[in-house]
């Protein structure tokens, strides 16, 4: 049996799934800002997975669209993600 490799092109997420992932990411961000160390590790892992699956920008766009986060929180998330990619 041959197993197909999962590539970003192979990953198709519905709008509903993206919305749920965005909400989960927002929860992790809130906990991270509250300096919960375990949340920081989870957020880091989640953002890496989103990036590898090629859905990071869809998640971040959904977070922006929802308008739940403040500018400061959004900037924190951008800086946090930038720190992971460099």
PDB file of N, CA and C in Angstrom:
ATOM      1  N   UNK A   1       0.837  -1.180   0.000  1.00  0.00           N
ATOM      2  CA  UNK A   1       0.000   0.000   0.000  1.00  0.00           C
ATOM      3  C   UNK A   1       0.879   1.239   0.000  1.00  0.00           C
ATOM      4  N   UNK A   2       0.612   2.127  -0.906  1.00  0.00           N
ATOM      5  CA  UNK A   2       1.397   3.352  -1.005  1.00  0.00           C
ATOM      6  C   UNK A   2       0.688   4.473  -0.250  1.00  0.00           C
ATOM      7  N   UNK A   3       1.457   5.183   0.552  1.00  0.00           N
ATOM      8  CA  UNK A   3       0.906   6.309   1.297  1.00  0.00           C
ATOM      9  C   UNK A   3       1.299   7.589   0.587  1.00  0.00           C
ATOM     10  N   UNK A   4       0.305   8.395   0.263  1.00  0.00           N
ATOM     11  CA  UNK A   4       0.585   9.677  -0.379  1.00  0.00           C
ATOM     12  C   UNK A   4       1.116  10.655   0.648  1.00  0.00           C
ATOM     13  N   UNK A   5       2.084  11.420   0.235  1.00  0.00           N
ATOM     14  CA  UNK A   5       2.634  12.452   1.107  1.00  0.00           C
ATOM     15  C   UNK A   5       1.661  13.621   1.159  1.00  0.00           C
ATOM     16  N   UNK A   6       1.464  14.147   2.353  1.00  0.00           N
ATOM     17  CA  UNK A   6       0.588  15.303   2.498  1.00  0.00           C
ATOM     18  C   UNK A   6       1.382  16.545   2.142  1.00  0.00           C
ATOM     19  N   UNK A   7       0.892  17.273   1.175  1.00  0.00           N
ATOM     20  CA  UNK A   7       1.533  18.514   0.754  1.00  0.00           C
ATOM     21  C   UNK A   7       0.552  19.657   0.958  1.00  0.00           C
ATOM     22  N   UNK A   8       1.052  20.890   1.006  1.00  0.00           N
ATOM     23  CA  UNK A   8       0.129  22.021   1.150  1.00  0.00           C
ATOM     24  C   UNK A   8      -0.972  22.033   0.093  1.00  0.00           C
ATOM     25  N   UNK A   9      -0.656  21.581  -1.100  1.00  0.00           N
ATOM     26  CA  UNK A   9      -1.658  21.560  -2.161  1.00  0.00           C
ATOM     27  C   UNK A   9      -2.748  20.535  -1.842  1.00  0.00           C
ATOM     28  N   UNK A  10      -2.364  19.445  -1.153  1.00  0.00           N
ATOM     29  CA  UNK A  10      -3.314  18.388  -0.843  1.00  0.00           C
ATOM     30  C   UNK A  10      -4.239  18.748   0.315  1.00  0.00           C
ATOM     31  N   UNK A  11      -3.903  19.763   1.069  1.00  0.00           N
ATOM     32  CA  UNK A  11      -4.700  20.127   2.233  1.00  0.00           C
ATOM     33  C   UNK A  11      -5.738  21.167   1.833  1.00  0.00           C
ATOM     34  N   UNK A  12      -6.979  20.770   1.891  1.00  0.00           N
ATOM     35  CA  UNK A  12      -8.075  21.676   1.571  1.00  0.00           C
ATOM     36  C   UNK A  12      -8.938  21.790   2.821  1.00  0.00           C
ATOM     37  N   UNK A  13      -9.051  22.971   3.336  1.00  0.00           N
ATOM     38  CA  UNK A  13      -9.853  23.189   4.532  1.00  0.00           C
ATOM     39  C   UNK A  13     -11.083  24.011   4.167  1.00  0.00           C
ATOM     40  N   UNK A  14     -12.215  23.624   4.737  1.00  0.00           N
ATOM     41  CA  UNK A  14     -13.442  24.373   4.481  1.00  0.00           C
ATOM     42  C   UNK A  14     -13.436  25.654   5.305  1.00  0.00           C
ATOM     43  N   UNK A  15     -14.324  26.565   4.957  1.00  0.00           N
ATOM     44  CA  UNK A  15     -14.429  27.821   5.708  1.00  0.00           C
ATOM     45  C   UNK A  15     -14.769  27.535   7.169  1.00  0.00           C
ATOM     46  N   UNK A  16     -15.636  26.561   7.400  1.00  0.00           N
ATOM     47  CA  UNK A  16     -16.012  26.203   8.772  1.00  0.00           C
ATOM     48  C   UNK A  16     -14.788  25.741   9.563  1.00  0.00           C
ATOM     49  N   UNK A  17     -13.955  24.908   8.958  1.00  0.00           N
ATOM     50  CA  UNK A  17     -12.747  24.430   9.635  1.00  0.00           C
ATOM     51  C   UNK A  17     -11.788  25.572   9.920  1.00  0.00           C
ATOM     52  N   UNK A  18     -11.618  26.464   8.953  1.00  0.00           N
ATOM     53  CA  UNK A  18     -10.732  27.617   9.131  1.00  0.00           C
ATOM     54  C   UNK A  18     -11.242  28.488  10.271  1.00  0.00           C
ATOM     55  N   UNK A  19     -12.555  28.695  10.339  1.00  0.00           N
ATOM     56  CA  UNK A  19     -13.145  29.502  11.409  1.00  0.00           C
ATOM     57  C   UNK A  19     -12.874  28.873  12.770  1.00  0.00           C
ATOM     58  N   UNK A  20     -13.033  27.570  12.868  1.00  0.00           N
ATOM     59  CA  UNK A  20     -12.771  26.877  14.138  1.00  0.00           C
ATOM     60  C   UNK A  20     -11.293  26.968  14.518  1.00  0.00           C
ATOM     61  N   UNK A  21     -10.406  26.798  13.555  1.00  0.00           N
ATOM     62  CA  UNK A  21      -8.975  26.899  13.827  1.00  0.00           C
ATOM     63  C   UNK A  21      -8.597  28.320  14.236  1.00  0.00           C
ATOM     64  N   UNK A  22      -9.216  29.308  13.621  1.00  0.00           N
ATOM     65  CA  UNK A  22      -8.949  30.705  13.977  1.00  0.00           C
ATOM     66  C   UNK A  22      -9.382  30.979  15.414  1.00  0.00           C
ATOM     67  N   UNK A  23     -10.554  30.480  15.797  1.00  0.00           N
ATOM     68  CA  UNK A  23     -11.042  30.675  17.167  1.00  0.00           C
ATOM     69  C   UNK A  23     -10.103  30.001  18.170  1.00  0.00           C
ATOM     70  N   UNK A  24      -9.640  28.808  17.847  1.00  0.00           N
ATOM     71  CA  UNK A  24      -8.704  28.103  18.724  1.00  0.00           C
ATOM     72  C   UNK A  24      -7.397  28.886  18.854  1.00  0.00           C
ATOM     73  N   UNK A  25      -6.922  29.422  17.748  1.00  0.00           N
ATOM     74  CA  UNK A  25      -5.692  30.214  17.761  1.00  0.00           C
ATOM     75  C   UNK A  25      -5.864  31.456  18.622  1.00  0.00           C
ATOM     76  N   UNK A  26      -7.024  32.094  18.530  1.00  0.00           N
ATOM     77  CA  UNK A  26      -7.298  33.269  19.361  1.00  0.00           C
ATOM     78  C   UNK A  26      -7.257  32.915  20.846  1.00  0.00           C
ATOM     79  N   UNK A  27      -7.823  31.758  21.207  1.00  0.00           N
ATOM     80  CA  UNK A  27      -7.790  31.311  22.604  1.00  0.00           C
ATOM     81  C   UNK A  27      -6.353  31.089  23.071  1.00  0.00           C
ATOM     82  N   UNK A  28      -5.554  30.439  22.240  1.00  0.00           N
ATOM     83  CA  UNK A  28      -4.146  30.217  22.591  1.00  0.00           C
ATOM     84  C   UNK A  28      -3.405  31.536  22.739  1.00  0.00           C
ATOM     85  N   UNK A  29      -3.703  32.482  21.866  1.00  0.00           N
ATOM     86  CA  UNK A  29      -3.050  33.783  21.938  1.00  0.00           C
ATOM     87  C   UNK A  29      -3.383  34.483  23.253  1.00  0.00           C
ATOM     88  N   UNK A  30      -4.653  34.433  23.649  1.00  0.00           N
ATOM     89  CA  UNK A  30      -5.063  35.061  24.911  1.00  0.00           C
ATOM     90  C   UNK A  30      -4.290  34.456  26.081  1.00  0.00           C
ATOM     91  N   UNK A  31      -4.170  33.146  26.096  1.00  0.00           N
ATOM     92  CA  UNK A  31      -3.437  32.472  27.170  1.00  0.00           C
ATOM     93  C   UNK A  31      -1.949  32.806  27.119  1.00  0.00           C
ATOM     94  N   UNK A  32      -1.403  32.920  25.915  1.00  0.00           N
ATOM     95  CA  UNK A  32       0.012  33.256  25.764  1.00  0.00           C
ATOM     96  C   UNK A  32       0.294  34.656  26.280  1.00  0.00           C
ATOM     97  N   UNK A  33      -0.585  35.606  25.949  1.00  0.00           N
ATOM     98  CA  UNK A  33      -0.419  36.977  26.429  1.00  0.00           C
ATOM     99  C   UNK A  33      -0.511  37.019  27.948  1.00  0.00           C
ATOM    100  N   UNK A  34      -1.322  36.129  28.512  1.00  0.00           N
ATOM    101  CA  UNK A  34      -1.452  36.048  29.971  1.00  0.00           C
ATOM    102  C   UNK A  34      -0.259  35.313  30.587  1.00  0.00           C
ATOM    103  N   UNK A  35       0.774  35.104  29.804  1.00  0.00           N
ATOM    104  CA  UNK A  35       2.045  34.480  30.198  1.00  0.00           C
ATOM    105  C   UNK A  35       1.905  33.052  30.715  1.00  0.00           C
ATOM    106  N   UNK A  36       1.041  32.289  30.102  1.00  0.00           N
ATOM    107  CA  UNK A  36       0.966  30.868  30.413  1.00  0.00           C
ATOM    108  C   UNK A  36       1.972  30.149  29.507  1.00  0.00           C
ATOM    109  N   UNK A  37       2.995  29.603  30.108  1.00  0.00           N
ATOM    110  CA  UNK A  37       4.095  29.001  29.344  1.00  0.00           C
ATOM    111  C   UNK A  37       3.626  27.846  28.462  1.00  0.00           C
ATOM    112  N   UNK A  38       2.724  27.014  28.963  1.00  0.00           N
ATOM    113  CA  UNK A  38       2.261  25.886  28.146  1.00  0.00           C
ATOM    114  C   UNK A  38       1.507  26.384  26.916  1.00  0.00           C
ATOM    115  N   UNK A  39       0.773  27.485  27.065  1.00  0.00           N
ATOM    116  CA  UNK A  39       0.048  28.051  25.921  1.00  0.00           C
ATOM    117  C   UNK A  39       1.025  28.577  24.879  1.00  0.00           C
ATOM    118  N   UNK A  40       2.134  29.143  25.320  1.00  0.00           N
ATOM    119  CA  UNK A  40       3.148  29.649  24.387  1.00  0.00           C
ATOM    120  C   UNK A  40       3.690  28.502  23.526  1.00  0.00           C
ATOM    121  N   UNK A  41       3.953  27.362  24.147  1.00  0.00           N
ATOM    122  CA  UNK A  41       4.454  26.202  23.398  1.00  0.00           C
ATOM    123  C   UNK A  41       3.391  25.677  22.433  1.00  0.00           C
ATOM    124  N   UNK A  42       2.135  25.642  22.884  1.00  0.00           N
ATOM    125  CA  UNK A  42       1.051  25.177  22.014  1.00  0.00           C
ATOM    126  C   UNK A  42       0.865  26.116  20.831  1.00  0.00           C
ATOM    127  N   UNK A  43       0.885  27.424  21.096  1.00  0.00           N
ATOM    128  CA  UNK A  43       0.720  28.400  20.017  1.00  0.00           C
ATOM    129  C   UNK A  43       1.847  28.256  19.004  1.00  0.00           C
ATOM    130  N   UNK A  44       3.046  28.090  19.485  1.00  0.00           N
ATOM    131  CA  UNK A  44       4.199  27.909  18.609  1.00  0.00           C
ATOM    132  C   UNK A  44       4.015  26.674  17.724  1.00  0.00           C
ATOM    133  N   UNK A  45       3.607  25.573  18.330  1.00  0.00           N
ATOM    134  CA  UNK A  45       3.406  24.327  17.580  1.00  0.00           C
ATOM    135  C   UNK A  45       2.277  24.467  16.564  1.00  0.00           C
ATOM    136  N   UNK A  46       1.188  25.083  16.982  1.00  0.00           N
ATOM    137  CA  UNK A  46       0.032  25.248  16.099  1.00  0.00           C
ATOM    138  C   UNK A  46       0.387  26.118  14.895  1.00  0.00           C
ATOM    139  N   UNK A  47       1.080  27.222  15.121  1.00  0.00           N
ATOM    140  CA  UNK A  47       1.455  28.099  14.008  1.00  0.00           C
ATOM    141  C   UNK A  47       2.400  27.396  13.042  1.00  0.00           C
ATOM    142  N   UNK A  48       3.291  26.575  13.570  1.00  0.00           N
ATOM    143  CA  UNK A  48       4.202  25.817  12.689  1.00  0.00           C
ATOM    144  C   UNK A  48       3.424  24.828  11.818  1.00  0.00           C
ATOM    145  N   UNK A  49       2.457  24.148  12.430  1.00  0.00           N
ATOM    146  CA  UNK A  49       1.645  23.190  11.671  1.00  0.00           C
ATOM    147  C   UNK A  49       0.840  23.913  10.596  1.00  0.00           C
ATOM    148  N   UNK A  50       0.198  25.026  10.961  1.00  0.00           N
ATOM    149  CA  UNK A  50      -0.553  25.805   9.970  1.00  0.00           C
ATOM    150  C   UNK A  50       0.351  26.196   8.806  1.00  0.00           C
ATOM    151  N   UNK A  51       1.568  26.615   9.137  1.00  0.00           N
ATOM    152  CA  UNK A  51       2.511  27.042   8.114  1.00  0.00           C
ATOM    153  C   UNK A  51       2.880  25.876   7.200  1.00  0.00           C
ATOM    154  N   UNK A  52       3.183  24.727   7.784  1.00  0.00           N
ATOM    155  CA  UNK A  52       3.568  23.565   6.992  1.00  0.00           C
ATOM    156  C   UNK A  52       2.424  23.067   6.117  1.00  0.00           C
ATOM    157  N   UNK A  53       1.201  23.222   6.597  1.00  0.00           N
ATOM    158  CA  UNK A  53       0.045  22.790   5.817  1.00  0.00           C
ATOM    159  C   UNK A  53      -0.363  23.818   4.762  1.00  0.00           C
ATOM    160  N   UNK A  54       0.256  24.981   4.827  1.00  0.00           N
ATOM    161  CA  UNK A  54      -0.050  26.015   3.851  1.00  0.00           C
ATOM    162  C   UNK A  54      -1.346  26.760   4.115  1.00  0.00           C
ATOM    163  N   UNK A  55      -1.811  26.737   5.363  1.00  0.00           N
ATOM    164  CA  UNK A  55      -3.069  27.428   5.674  1.00  0.00           C
ATOM    165  C   UNK A  55      -2.882  28.591   6.644  1.00  0.00           C
ATOM    166  N   UNK A  56      -1.644  28.931   6.951  1.00  0.00           N
ATOM    167  CA  UNK A  56      -1.386  29.982   7.942  1.00  0.00           C
ATOM    168  C   UNK A  56      -2.042  31.298   7.548  1.00  0.00           C
ATOM    169  N   UNK A  57      -1.941  31.681   6.283  1.00  0.00           N
ATOM    170  CA  UNK A  57      -2.489  32.977   5.879  1.00  0.00           C
ATOM    171  C   UNK A  57      -4.005  32.967   5.864  1.00  0.00           C
ATOM    172  N   UNK A  58      -4.607  31.814   5.599  1.00  0.00           N
ATOM    173  CA  UNK A  58      -6.070  31.724   5.681  1.00  0.00           C
ATOM    174  C   UNK A  58      -6.528  31.883   7.126  1.00  0.00           C
ATOM    175  N   UNK A  59      -5.781  31.298   8.053  1.00  0.00           N
ATOM    176  CA  UNK A  59      -6.116  31.410   9.477  1.00  0.00           C
ATOM    177  C   UNK A  59      -5.975  32.863   9.922  1.00  0.00           C
ATOM    178  N   UNK A  60      -4.842  33.484   9.597  1.00  0.00           N
ATOM    179  CA  UNK A  60      -4.620  34.876  10.011  1.00  0.00           C
ATOM    180  C   UNK A  60      -5.637  35.816   9.373  1.00  0.00           C
ATOM    181  N   UNK A  61      -5.996  35.546   8.136  1.00  0.00           N
ATOM    182  CA  UNK A  61      -7.004  36.362   7.469  1.00  0.00           C
ATOM    183  C   UNK A  61      -8.361  36.218   8.155  1.00  0.00           C
ATOM    184  N   UNK A  62      -8.705  35.001   8.543  1.00  0.00           N
ATOM    185  CA  UNK A  62      -9.975  34.767   9.242  1.00  0.00           C
ATOM    186  C   UNK A  62      -9.984  35.480  10.588  1.00  0.00           C
ATOM    187  N   UNK A  63      -8.860  35.464  11.283  1.00  0.00           N
ATOM    188  CA  UNK A  63      -8.758  36.173  12.563  1.00  0.00           C
ATOM    189  C   UNK A  63      -8.995  37.660  12.338  1.00  0.00           C
ATOM    190  N   UNK A  64      -8.404  38.212  11.289  1.00  0.00           N
ATOM    191  CA  UNK A  64      -8.619  39.628  10.968  1.00  0.00           C
ATOM    192  C   UNK A  64     -10.082  39.907  10.641  1.00  0.00           C
ATOM    193  N   UNK A  65     -10.683  39.033   9.861  1.00  0.00           N
ATOM    194  CA  UNK A  65     -12.072  39.209   9.448  1.00  0.00           C
ATOM    195  C   UNK A  65     -13.015  39.174  10.645  1.00  0.00           C
ATOM    196  N   UNK A  66     -12.739  38.280  11.577  1.00  0.00           N
ATOM    197  CA  UNK A  66     -13.600  38.163  12.759  1.00  0.00           C
ATOM    198  C   UNK A  66     -13.548  39.427  13.609  1.00  0.00           C
ATOM    199  N   UNK A  67     -12.417  40.115  13.591  1.00  0.00           N
ATOM    200  CA  UNK A  67     -12.292  41.376  14.311  1.00  0.00           C
ATOM    201  C   UNK A  67     -12.375  41.265  15.817  1.00  0.00           C
ATOM    202  N   UNK A  68     -12.040  40.108  16.355  1.00  0.00           N
ATOM    203  CA  UNK A  68     -12.127  39.879  17.797  1.00  0.00           C
ATOM    204  C   UNK A  68     -10.899  40.428  18.523  1.00  0.00           C
ATOM    205  N   UNK A  69      -9.760  40.397  17.852  1.00  0.00           N
ATOM    206  CA  UNK A  69      -8.511  40.795  18.494  1.00  0.00           C
ATOM    207  C   UNK A  69      -8.272  42.294  18.375  1.00  0.00           C
ATOM    208  N   UNK A  70      -7.597  42.831  19.382  1.00  0.00           N
ATOM    209  CA  UNK A  70      -7.198  44.236  19.331  1.00  0.00           C
ATOM    210  C   UNK A  70      -5.965  44.362  18.434  1.00  0.00           C
ATOM    211  N   UNK A  71      -5.608  45.585  18.082  1.00  0.00           N
ATOM    212  CA  UNK A  71      -4.405  45.801  17.268  1.00  0.00           C
ATOM    213  C   UNK A  71      -3.168  45.288  17.989  1.00  0.00           C
ATOM    214  N   UNK A  72      -3.115  45.499  19.291  1.00  0.00           N
ATOM    215  CA  UNK A  72      -1.968  45.038  20.080  1.00  0.00           C
ATOM    216  C   UNK A  72      -1.864  43.522  20.043  1.00  0.00           C
ATOM    217  N   UNK A  73      -2.998  42.835  20.191  1.00  0.00           N
ATOM    218  CA  UNK A  73      -2.995  41.373  20.146  1.00  0.00           C
ATOM    219  C   UNK A  73      -2.592  40.877  18.761  1.00  0.00           C
ATOM    220  N   UNK A  74      -3.102  41.517  17.732  1.00  0.00           N
ATOM    221  CA  UNK A  74      -2.778  41.119  16.362  1.00  0.00           C
ATOM    222  C   UNK A  74      -1.291  41.323  16.092  1.00  0.00           C
ATOM    223  N   UNK A  75      -0.742  42.435  16.561  1.00  0.00           N
ATOM    224  CA  UNK A  75       0.682  42.704  16.391  1.00  0.00           C
ATOM    225  C   UNK A  75       1.516  41.669  17.139  1.00  0.00           C
ATOM    226  N   UNK A  76       1.072  41.296  18.341  1.00  0.00           N
ATOM    227  CA  UNK A  76       1.764  40.268  19.119  1.00  0.00           C
ATOM    228  C   UNK A  76       1.797  38.962  18.331  1.00  0.00           C
ATOM    229  N   UNK A  77       0.660  38.580  17.744  1.00  0.00           N
ATOM    230  CA  UNK A  77       0.592  37.343  16.972  1.00  0.00           C
ATOM    231  C   UNK A  77       1.513  37.410  15.754  1.00  0.00           C
ATOM    232  N   UNK A  78       1.515  38.535  15.052  1.00  0.00           N
ATOM    233  CA  UNK A  78       2.400  38.691  13.892  1.00  0.00           C
ATOM    234  C   UNK A  78       3.863  38.588  14.310  1.00  0.00           C
ATOM    235  N   UNK A  79       4.218  39.262  15.387  1.00  0.00           N
ATOM    236  CA  UNK A  79       5.602  39.218  15.869  1.00  0.00           C
ATOM    237  C   UNK A  79       5.974  37.813  16.325  1.00  0.00           C
ATOM    238  N   UNK A  80       5.040  37.144  16.991  1.00  0.00           N
ATOM    239  CA  UNK A  80       5.278  35.782  17.469  1.00  0.00           C
ATOM    240  C   UNK A  80       5.535  34.862  16.278  1.00  0.00           C
ATOM    241  N   UNK A  81       4.685  34.960  15.254  1.00  0.00           N
ATOM    242  CA  UNK A  81       4.854  34.132  14.062  1.00  0.00           C
ATOM    243  C   UNK A  81       6.153  34.471  13.338  1.00  0.00           C
ATOM    244  N   UNK A  82       6.464  35.752  13.239  1.00  0.00           N
ATOM    245  CA  UNK A  82       7.709  36.170  12.588  1.00  0.00           C
ATOM    246  C   UNK A  82       8.915  35.596  13.320  1.00  0.00           C
ATOM    247  N   UNK A  83       8.845  35.540  14.637  1.00  0.00           N
ATOM    248  CA  UNK A  83       9.928  34.969  15.428  1.00  0.00           C
ATOM    249  C   UNK A  83      10.126  33.488  15.156  1.00  0.00           C
ATOM    250  N   UNK A  84       9.059  32.802  14.785  1.00  0.00           N
ATOM    251  CA  UNK A  84       9.151  31.373  14.483  1.00  0.00           C
ATOM    252  C   UNK A  84       9.767  31.118  13.118  1.00  0.00           C
ATOM    253  N   UNK A  85       9.574  32.061  12.211  1.00  0.00           N
ATOM    254  CA  UNK A  85       9.999  31.832  10.832  1.00  0.00           C
ATOM    255  C   UNK A  85      11.421  32.293  10.552  1.00  0.00           C
ATOM    256  N   UNK A  86      12.045  32.965  11.496  1.00  0.00           N
ATOM    257  CA  UNK A  86      13.418  33.444  11.280  1.00  0.00           C
ATOM    258  C   UNK A  86      14.394  32.745  12.164  1.00  0.00           C
TER     259      UNK A  86
END
